[in-house]
Amino acid sequence: ADQMEQYIDEGGCNGFMMLATDTPGCFNDMTELLVPELQRRGRFRTRYPGTTLRESLQEY
């Protein structure tokens, strides 16, 4: 989370592509550890604007 914040703050990126190719628990770690930490820091949304995926994607 620290490194992701640093990249964003320095203007070095506008998003991340997460790949889980080696570690079986990688997606669990992202959803149970990384996402909540980023939400706590205000860097990841806690709500979605629509009730469907289509509605949420139309916001962007």
PDB file of N, CA and C in Angstrom:
ATOM      1  N   ALA A   1       0.832  -1.183   0.000  1.00  0.00           N
ATOM      2  CA  ALA A   1       0.000   0.000   0.000  1.00  0.00           C
ATOM      3  C   ALA A   1       0.878   1.249   0.000  1.00  0.00           C
ATOM      4  N   ASP A   2       1.971   1.218   0.745  1.00  0.00           N
ATOM      5  CA  ASP A   2       2.868   2.380   0.788  1.00  0.00           C
ATOM      6  C   ASP A   2       3.448   2.679  -0.589  1.00  0.00           C
ATOM      7  N   GLN A   3       3.916   1.640  -1.263  1.00  0.00           N
ATOM      8  CA  GLN A   3       4.538   1.839  -2.572  1.00  0.00           C
ATOM      9  C   GLN A   3       3.507   2.284  -3.609  1.00  0.00           C
ATOM     10  N   MET A   4       2.312   1.744  -3.541  1.00  0.00           N
ATOM     11  CA  MET A   4       1.259   2.157  -4.464  1.00  0.00           C
ATOM     12  C   MET A   4       0.942   3.639  -4.258  1.00  0.00           C
ATOM     13  N   GLU A   5       0.825   4.053  -3.018  1.00  0.00           N
ATOM     14  CA  GLU A   5       0.566   5.464  -2.714  1.00  0.00           C
ATOM     15  C   GLU A   5       1.683   6.355  -3.238  1.00  0.00           C
ATOM     16  N   GLN A   6       2.898   5.917  -3.079  1.00  0.00           N
ATOM     17  CA  GLN A   6       4.040   6.708  -3.536  1.00  0.00           C
ATOM     18  C   GLN A   6       3.978   6.903  -5.048  1.00  0.00           C
ATOM     19  N   TYR A   7       3.708   5.839  -5.807  1.00  0.00           N
ATOM     20  CA  TYR A   7       3.604   5.956  -7.263  1.00  0.00           C
ATOM     21  C   TYR A   7       2.501   6.936  -7.657  1.00  0.00           C
ATOM     22  N   ILE A   8       1.368   6.846  -6.984  1.00  0.00           N
ATOM     23  CA  ILE A   8       0.240   7.729  -7.299  1.00  0.00           C
ATOM     24  C   ILE A   8       0.589   9.176  -6.967  1.00  0.00           C
ATOM     25  N   ASP A   9       1.135   9.405  -5.785  1.00  0.00           N
ATOM     26  CA  ASP A   9       1.462  10.764  -5.345  1.00  0.00           C
ATOM     27  C   ASP A   9       2.517  11.431  -6.217  1.00  0.00           C
ATOM     28  N   GLU A  10       3.427  10.641  -6.743  1.00  0.00           N
ATOM     29  CA  GLU A  10       4.481  11.192  -7.593  1.00  0.00           C
ATOM     30  C   GLU A  10       4.019  11.369  -9.033  1.00  0.00           C
ATOM     31  N   GLY A  11       2.783  10.974  -9.330  1.00  0.00           N
ATOM     32  CA  GLY A  11       2.257  11.128 -10.684  1.00  0.00           C
ATOM     33  C   GLY A  11       2.772  10.089 -11.656  1.00  0.00           C
ATOM     34  N   GLY A  12       3.294   9.001 -11.132  1.00  0.00           N
ATOM     35  CA  GLY A  12       3.886   7.984 -11.981  1.00  0.00           C
ATOM     36  C   GLY A  12       2.918   6.957 -12.524  1.00  0.00           C
ATOM     37  N   CYS A  13       1.663   7.014 -12.115  1.00  0.00           N
ATOM     38  CA  CYS A  13       0.706   6.038 -12.630  1.00  0.00           C
ATOM     39  C   CYS A  13      -0.714   6.543 -12.417  1.00  0.00           C
ATOM     40  N   ASN A  14      -1.628   5.920 -13.136  1.00  0.00           N
ATOM     41  CA  ASN A  14      -3.035   6.256 -12.944  1.00  0.00           C
ATOM     42  C   ASN A  14      -3.866   5.005 -12.686  1.00  0.00           C
ATOM     43  N   GLY A  15      -3.189   3.914 -12.341  1.00  0.00           N
ATOM     44  CA  GLY A  15      -3.879   2.673 -12.026  1.00  0.00           C
ATOM     45  C   GLY A  15      -2.883   1.528 -11.937  1.00  0.00           C
ATOM     46  N   PHE A  16      -3.368   0.385 -11.544  1.00  0.00           N
ATOM     47  CA  PHE A  16      -2.516  -0.786 -11.385  1.00  0.00           C
ATOM     48  C   PHE A  16      -3.200  -1.997 -11.987  1.00  0.00           C
ATOM     49  N   MET A  17      -2.416  -2.870 -12.583  1.00  0.00           N
ATOM     50  CA  MET A  17      -2.910  -4.169 -13.043  1.00  0.00           C
ATOM     51  C   MET A  17      -2.334  -5.211 -12.099  1.00  0.00           C
ATOM     52  N   MET A  18      -3.211  -5.935 -11.440  1.00  0.00           N
ATOM     53  CA  MET A  18      -2.767  -6.927 -10.471  1.00  0.00           C
ATOM     54  C   MET A  18      -2.862  -8.314 -11.099  1.00  0.00           C
ATOM     55  N   LEU A  19      -1.774  -9.048 -11.065  1.00  0.00           N
ATOM     56  CA  LEU A  19      -1.727 -10.398 -11.608  1.00  0.00           C
ATOM     57  C   LEU A  19      -1.363 -11.371 -10.500  1.00  0.00           C
ATOM     58  N   ALA A  20      -2.044 -12.486 -10.470  1.00  0.00           N
ATOM     59  CA  ALA A  20      -1.735 -13.529  -9.487  1.00  0.00           C
ATOM     60  C   ALA A  20      -1.338 -14.780 -10.252  1.00  0.00           C
ATOM     61  N   THR A  21      -0.077 -14.877 -10.565  1.00  0.00           N
ATOM     62  CA  THR A  21       0.383 -16.017 -11.346  1.00  0.00           C
ATOM     63  C   THR A  21       1.173 -17.025 -10.527  1.00  0.00           C
ATOM     64  N   ASP A  22       1.788 -16.608  -9.433  1.00  0.00           N
ATOM     65  CA  ASP A  22       2.645 -17.523  -8.670  1.00  0.00           C
ATOM     66  C   ASP A  22       2.061 -17.956  -7.337  1.00  0.00           C
ATOM     67  N   THR A  23       1.360 -17.105  -6.674  1.00  0.00           N
ATOM     68  CA  THR A  23       0.962 -17.359  -5.299  1.00  0.00           C
ATOM     69  C   THR A  23      -0.509 -17.727  -5.218  1.00  0.00           C
ATOM     70  N   PRO A  24      -0.828 -18.904  -4.727  1.00  0.00           N
ATOM     71  CA  PRO A  24      -2.233 -19.320  -4.656  1.00  0.00           C
ATOM     72  C   PRO A  24      -3.125 -18.387  -3.840  1.00  0.00           C
ATOM     73  N   GLY A  25      -2.625 -17.784  -2.778  1.00  0.00           N
ATOM     74  CA  GLY A  25      -3.458 -16.936  -1.936  1.00  0.00           C
ATOM     75  C   GLY A  25      -3.396 -15.460  -2.284  1.00  0.00           C
ATOM     76  N   CYS A  26      -2.838 -15.122  -3.433  1.00  0.00           N
ATOM     77  CA  CYS A  26      -2.606 -13.728  -3.794  1.00  0.00           C
ATOM     78  C   CYS A  26      -3.896 -12.905  -3.837  1.00  0.00           C
ATOM     79  N   PHE A  27      -4.957 -13.421  -4.450  1.00  0.00           N
ATOM     80  CA  PHE A  27      -6.203 -12.663  -4.523  1.00  0.00           C
ATOM     81  C   PHE A  27      -6.825 -12.494  -3.143  1.00  0.00           C
ATOM     82  N   ASN A  28      -6.711 -13.518  -2.306  1.00  0.00           N
ATOM     83  CA  ASN A  28      -7.202 -13.378  -0.931  1.00  0.00           C
ATOM     84  C   ASN A  28      -6.436 -12.288  -0.194  1.00  0.00           C
ATOM     85  N   ASP A  29      -5.118 -12.258  -0.371  1.00  0.00           N
ATOM     86  CA  ASP A  29      -4.312 -11.219   0.274  1.00  0.00           C
ATOM     87  C   ASP A  29      -4.729  -9.834  -0.199  1.00  0.00           C
ATOM     88  N   MET A  30      -4.983  -9.702  -1.502  1.00  0.00           N
ATOM     89  CA  MET A  30      -5.391  -8.396  -2.028  1.00  0.00           C
ATOM     90  C   MET A  30      -6.733  -7.960  -1.456  1.00  0.00           C
ATOM     91  N   THR A  31      -7.699  -8.875  -1.421  1.00  0.00           N
ATOM     92  CA  THR A  31      -9.043  -8.493  -0.982  1.00  0.00           C
ATOM     93  C   THR A  31      -9.165  -8.389   0.532  1.00  0.00           C
ATOM     94  N   GLU A  32      -8.374  -9.146   1.260  1.00  0.00           N
ATOM     95  CA  GLU A  32      -8.494  -9.143   2.721  1.00  0.00           C
ATOM     96  C   GLU A  32      -7.489  -8.227   3.416  1.00  0.00           C
ATOM     97  N   LEU A  33      -6.384  -7.907   2.742  1.00  0.00           N
ATOM     98  CA  LEU A  33      -5.341  -7.089   3.370  1.00  0.00           C
ATOM     99  C   LEU A  33      -5.119  -5.756   2.651  1.00  0.00           C
ATOM    100  N   LEU A  34      -4.828  -5.818   1.356  1.00  0.00           N
ATOM    101  CA  LEU A  34      -4.479  -4.604   0.618  1.00  0.00           C
ATOM    102  C   LEU A  34      -5.669  -3.664   0.442  1.00  0.00           C
ATOM    103  N   VAL A  35      -6.786  -4.173  -0.039  1.00  0.00           N
ATOM    104  CA  VAL A  35      -7.949  -3.309  -0.284  1.00  0.00           C
ATOM    105  C   VAL A  35      -8.431  -2.624   0.994  1.00  0.00           C
ATOM    106  N   PRO A  36      -8.603  -3.336   2.099  1.00  0.00           N
ATOM    107  CA  PRO A  36      -9.024  -2.633   3.316  1.00  0.00           C
ATOM    108  C   PRO A  36      -8.037  -1.545   3.763  1.00  0.00           C
ATOM    109  N   GLU A  37      -6.748  -1.791   3.590  1.00  0.00           N
ATOM    110  CA  GLU A  37      -5.756  -0.774   3.967  1.00  0.00           C
ATOM    111  C   GLU A  37      -5.865   0.441   3.056  1.00  0.00           C
ATOM    112  N   LEU A  38      -6.028   0.221   1.768  1.00  0.00           N
ATOM    113  CA  LEU A  38      -6.187   1.344   0.845  1.00  0.00           C
ATOM    114  C   LEU A  38      -7.489   2.094   1.118  1.00  0.00           C
ATOM    115  N   GLN A  39      -8.539   1.382   1.488  1.00  0.00           N
ATOM    116  CA  GLN A  39      -9.802   2.040   1.849  1.00  0.00           C
ATOM    117  C   GLN A  39      -9.619   2.888   3.103  1.00  0.00           C
ATOM    118  N   ARG A  40      -8.910   2.360   4.074  1.00  0.00           N
ATOM    119  CA  ARG A  40      -8.662   3.098   5.311  1.00  0.00           C
ATOM    120  C   ARG A  40      -7.926   4.403   5.024  1.00  0.00           C
ATOM    121  N   ARG A  41      -7.045   4.364   4.034  1.00  0.00           N
ATOM    122  CA  ARG A  41      -6.265   5.545   3.657  1.00  0.00           C
ATOM    123  C   ARG A  41      -7.023   6.463   2.694  1.00  0.00           C
ATOM    124  N   GLY A  42      -8.206   6.055   2.286  1.00  0.00           N
ATOM    125  CA  GLY A  42      -8.981   6.869   1.345  1.00  0.00           C
ATOM    126  C   GLY A  42      -8.524   6.740  -0.092  1.00  0.00           C
ATOM    127  N   ARG A  43      -7.840   5.644  -0.414  1.00  0.00           N
ATOM    128  CA  ARG A  43      -7.287   5.437  -1.752  1.00  0.00           C
ATOM    129  C   ARG A  43      -8.072   4.433  -2.580  1.00  0.00           C
ATOM    130  N   PHE A  44      -9.071   3.824  -1.985  1.00  0.00           N
ATOM    131  CA  PHE A  44      -9.876   2.817  -2.691  1.00  0.00           C
ATOM    132  C   PHE A  44     -11.317   3.041  -2.275  1.00  0.00           C
ATOM    133  N   ARG A  45     -12.201   3.016  -3.226  1.00  0.00           N
ATOM    134  CA  ARG A  45     -13.601   3.322  -2.909  1.00  0.00           C
ATOM    135  C   ARG A  45     -14.215   2.301  -1.957  1.00  0.00           C
ATOM    136  N   THR A  46     -15.163   2.765  -1.196  1.00  0.00           N
ATOM    137  CA  THR A  46     -15.881   1.889  -0.271  1.00  0.00           C
ATOM    138  C   THR A  46     -17.305   1.643  -0.749  1.00  0.00           C
ATOM    139  N   ARG A  47     -17.733   2.431  -1.727  1.00  0.00           N
ATOM    140  CA  ARG A  47     -19.067   2.266  -2.316  1.00  0.00           C
ATOM    141  C   ARG A  47     -18.972   2.399  -3.822  1.00  0.00           C
ATOM    142  N   TYR A  48     -19.970   1.887  -4.487  1.00  0.00           N
ATOM    143  CA  TYR A  48     -20.063   2.016  -5.932  1.00  0.00           C
ATOM    144  C   TYR A  48     -21.304   2.822  -6.263  1.00  0.00           C
ATOM    145  N   PRO A  49     -21.237   3.673  -7.300  1.00  0.00           N
ATOM    146  CA  PRO A  49     -22.337   4.583  -7.591  1.00  0.00           C
ATOM    147  C   PRO A  49     -23.617   3.894  -8.049  1.00  0.00           C
ATOM    148  N   GLY A  50     -23.507   2.762  -8.708  1.00  0.00           N
ATOM    149  CA  GLY A  50     -24.691   2.081  -9.217  1.00  0.00           C
ATOM    150  C   GLY A  50     -24.973   0.796  -8.476  1.00  0.00           C
ATOM    151  N   THR A  51     -26.100   0.209  -8.808  1.00  0.00           N
ATOM    152  CA  THR A  51     -26.438  -1.077  -8.201  1.00  0.00           C
ATOM    153  C   THR A  51     -26.031  -2.234  -9.100  1.00  0.00           C
ATOM    154  N   THR A  52     -25.644  -1.930 -10.346  1.00  0.00           N
ATOM    155  CA  THR A  52     -25.164  -2.962 -11.263  1.00  0.00           C
ATOM    156  C   THR A  52     -23.779  -2.563 -11.764  1.00  0.00           C
ATOM    157  N   LEU A  53     -23.062  -3.515 -12.327  1.00  0.00           N
ATOM    158  CA  LEU A  53     -21.748  -3.221 -12.897  1.00  0.00           C
ATOM    159  C   LEU A  53     -21.886  -2.186 -14.006  1.00  0.00           C
ATOM    160  N   ARG A  54     -22.889  -2.319 -14.846  1.00  0.00           N
ATOM    161  CA  ARG A  54     -23.106  -1.373 -15.941  1.00  0.00           C
ATOM    162  C   ARG A  54     -23.267   0.054 -15.410  1.00  0.00           C
ATOM    163  N   GLU A  55     -24.093   0.228 -14.406  1.00  0.00           N
ATOM    164  CA  GLU A  55     -24.308   1.562 -13.836  1.00  0.00           C
ATOM    165  C   GLU A  55     -23.017   2.124 -13.246  1.00  0.00           C
ATOM    166  N   SER A  56     -22.258   1.284 -12.593  1.00  0.00           N
ATOM    167  CA  SER A  56     -21.008   1.751 -11.989  1.00  0.00           C
ATOM    168  C   SER A  56     -19.992   2.142 -13.055  1.00  0.00           C
ATOM    169  N   LEU A  57     -19.903   1.370 -14.128  1.00  0.00           N
ATOM    170  CA  LEU A  57     -18.951   1.683 -15.195  1.00  0.00           C
ATOM    171  C   LEU A  57     -19.347   2.938 -15.961  1.00  0.00           C
ATOM    172  N   GLN A  58     -20.632   3.214 -16.062  1.00  0.00           N
ATOM    173  CA  GLN A  58     -21.087   4.403 -16.782  1.00  0.00           C
ATOM    174  C   GLN A  58     -20.700   5.689 -16.063  1.00  0.00           C
ATOM    175  N   GLU A  59     -20.351   5.604 -14.806  1.00  0.00           N
ATOM    176  CA  GLU A  59     -19.926   6.785 -14.060  1.00  0.00           C
ATOM    177  C   GLU A  59     -18.560   7.285 -14.524  1.00  0.00           C
ATOM    178  N   TYR A  60     -17.813   6.448 -15.235  1.00  0.00           N
ATOM    179  CA  TYR A  60     -16.465   6.823 -15.659  1.00  0.00           C
ATOM    180  C   TYR A  60     -16.456   6.977 -17.111  1.00  0.00           C
TER     181      TYR A  60
END
